[in-house]
Amino acid sequence: MAQVTEIDPDTMAGVWTVVTRTSTYLLDFTEMTLLRAPGVGSSDDESWSVSRLRRDSEDIPLLGVKSCRVGESAQFWVRAADDPDVRTWRITTPVVSIEKIG
């Protein structure tokens, strides 16, 4: 749909894909979820290795976006899916592209 260079931290609508050096993230602001697909859309640059994280390929509750800009690491504020009292940051490898898909 529409490629952009940044997701505004005040964004509260739409579905977005964020491709980083090592993974693709799907952010759904309607459902307020974040899904990380490790290795999908990643760089062929061997200096970047794909890490395995808890809850990979599962929807986790998204609380907000601190920053998400092409060329920088994105920072997503999430809630642990198995413990609603636990909140943490999901910090990515540098963002390669951002696209609003819905």
Protein backbone atom coordinates (compact mmCIF):
# COMPACT_ATOMS: atom_id res chain seq x y z
CA MET A 1 0.00 0.00 0.00
CA ALA A 2 1.98 2.99 1.29
CA GLN A 3 5.66 2.90 2.19
CA VAL A 4 6.74 5.44 4.79
CA THR A 5 9.95 6.25 6.63
CA GLU A 6 8.47 6.36 10.12
CA ILE A 7 5.52 5.29 12.28
CA ASP A 8 4.39 8.20 14.43
CA PRO A 9 4.38 7.25 18.15
CA ASP A 10 0.79 8.56 18.34
CA THR A 11 -0.43 6.14 15.64
CA MET A 12 -3.55 4.31 16.78
CA ALA A 13 -4.90 2.81 13.54
CA GLY A 14 -3.93 0.49 10.72
CA VAL A 15 -1.84 -2.59 10.11
CA TRP A 16 1.85 -2.12 9.35
CA THR A 17 4.81 -4.26 8.34
CA VAL A 18 8.23 -3.28 9.60
CA VAL A 19 11.15 -5.10 7.96
CA THR A 20 14.41 -5.04 9.89
CA ARG A 21 17.86 -6.45 9.13
CA THR A 22 16.85 -9.78 10.66
CA SER A 23 13.04 -10.06 10.85
CA THR A 24 9.66 -8.73 9.83
CA TYR A 25 7.22 -7.32 12.37
CA LEU A 26 3.47 -7.05 11.91
CA LEU A 27 1.86 -4.31 14.00
CA ASP A 28 -1.93 -4.28 14.23
CA PHE A 29 -3.20 -1.13 15.92
CA THR A 30 -6.84 -2.31 15.78
CA GLU A 31 -6.07 -5.45 17.78
CA MET A 32 -3.06 -3.81 19.50
CA THR A 33 -0.78 -6.76 18.74
CA LEU A 34 2.79 -7.24 17.57
CA LEU A 35 4.03 -10.34 15.75
CA ARG A 36 7.70 -10.99 14.94
CA ALA A 37 8.59 -13.33 12.09
CA PRO A 38 12.32 -14.04 12.58
CA GLY A 39 14.37 -14.30 9.40
CA VAL A 40 11.51 -13.18 7.12
CA GLY A 41 12.61 -10.42 4.75
CA SER A 42 15.98 -10.27 6.45
CA SER A 43 19.23 -9.05 4.96
CA ASP A 44 21.67 -11.40 3.24
CA ASP A 45 24.45 -9.60 5.11
CA GLU A 46 26.09 -12.34 7.20
CA SER A 47 27.18 -9.83 9.85
CA TRP A 48 23.55 -9.84 11.08
CA SER A 49 22.44 -13.03 12.79
CA VAL A 50 18.82 -13.87 13.54
CA SER A 51 18.12 -14.16 17.26
CA ARG A 52 15.30 -16.30 18.61
CA LEU A 53 13.05 -14.42 21.03
CA ARG A 54 10.25 -15.54 23.33
CA ARG A 55 6.87 -15.57 21.62
CA ASP A 56 8.32 -15.39 18.09
CA SER A 57 5.61 -15.87 15.45
CA GLU A 58 2.89 -15.25 18.06
CA ASP A 59 0.74 -12.18 18.62
CA ILE A 60 1.80 -10.35 21.75
CA PRO A 61 -0.02 -7.36 23.28
CA LEU A 62 1.28 -4.05 21.89
CA LEU A 63 1.13 -1.12 24.29
CA GLY A 64 2.78 1.45 22.03
CA VAL A 65 5.59 2.54 19.75
CA LYS A 66 8.38 4.65 21.22
CA SER A 67 10.18 4.94 17.89
CA CYS A 68 10.09 3.25 14.49
CA ARG A 69 12.13 4.92 11.77
CA VAL A 70 13.98 3.55 8.72
CA GLY A 71 17.72 3.29 9.43
CA GLU A 72 17.28 3.05 13.23
CA SER A 73 16.34 0.34 15.70
CA ALA A 74 12.61 0.36 16.47
CA GLN A 75 11.38 0.31 20.06
CA PHE A 76 8.03 -1.31 20.83
CA TRP A 77 6.40 -1.32 24.30
CA VAL A 78 4.76 -4.74 24.83
CA ARG A 79 3.01 -6.73 27.53
CA ALA A 80 4.02 -10.30 28.27
CA ALA A 81 1.31 -12.52 26.80
CA ASP A 82 1.43 -14.92 29.73
CA ASP A 83 1.56 -12.27 32.51
CA PRO A 84 -0.44 -9.05 32.07
CA ASP A 85 1.53 -7.34 34.85
CA VAL A 86 4.85 -7.67 32.98
CA ARG A 87 5.75 -4.99 30.44
CA THR A 88 8.95 -4.81 28.44
CA TRP A 89 10.63 -3.21 25.43
CA ARG A 90 11.11 -5.05 22.15
CA ILE A 91 14.08 -3.37 20.44
CA THR A 92 14.85 -4.38 16.86
CA THR A 93 17.83 -4.42 14.56
CA PRO A 94 17.86 -1.41 12.17
CA VAL A 95 14.64 -0.90 10.22
CA VAL A 96 14.92 -1.39 6.45
CA SER A 97 11.34 -0.56 5.40
CA ILE A 98 7.93 0.34 6.79
CA GLU A 99 4.66 -0.18 4.96
CA LYS A 100 1.04 0.44 5.91
CA ILE A 101 -0.89 -2.56 4.60
CA GLY A 102 -4.31 -2.00 6.12
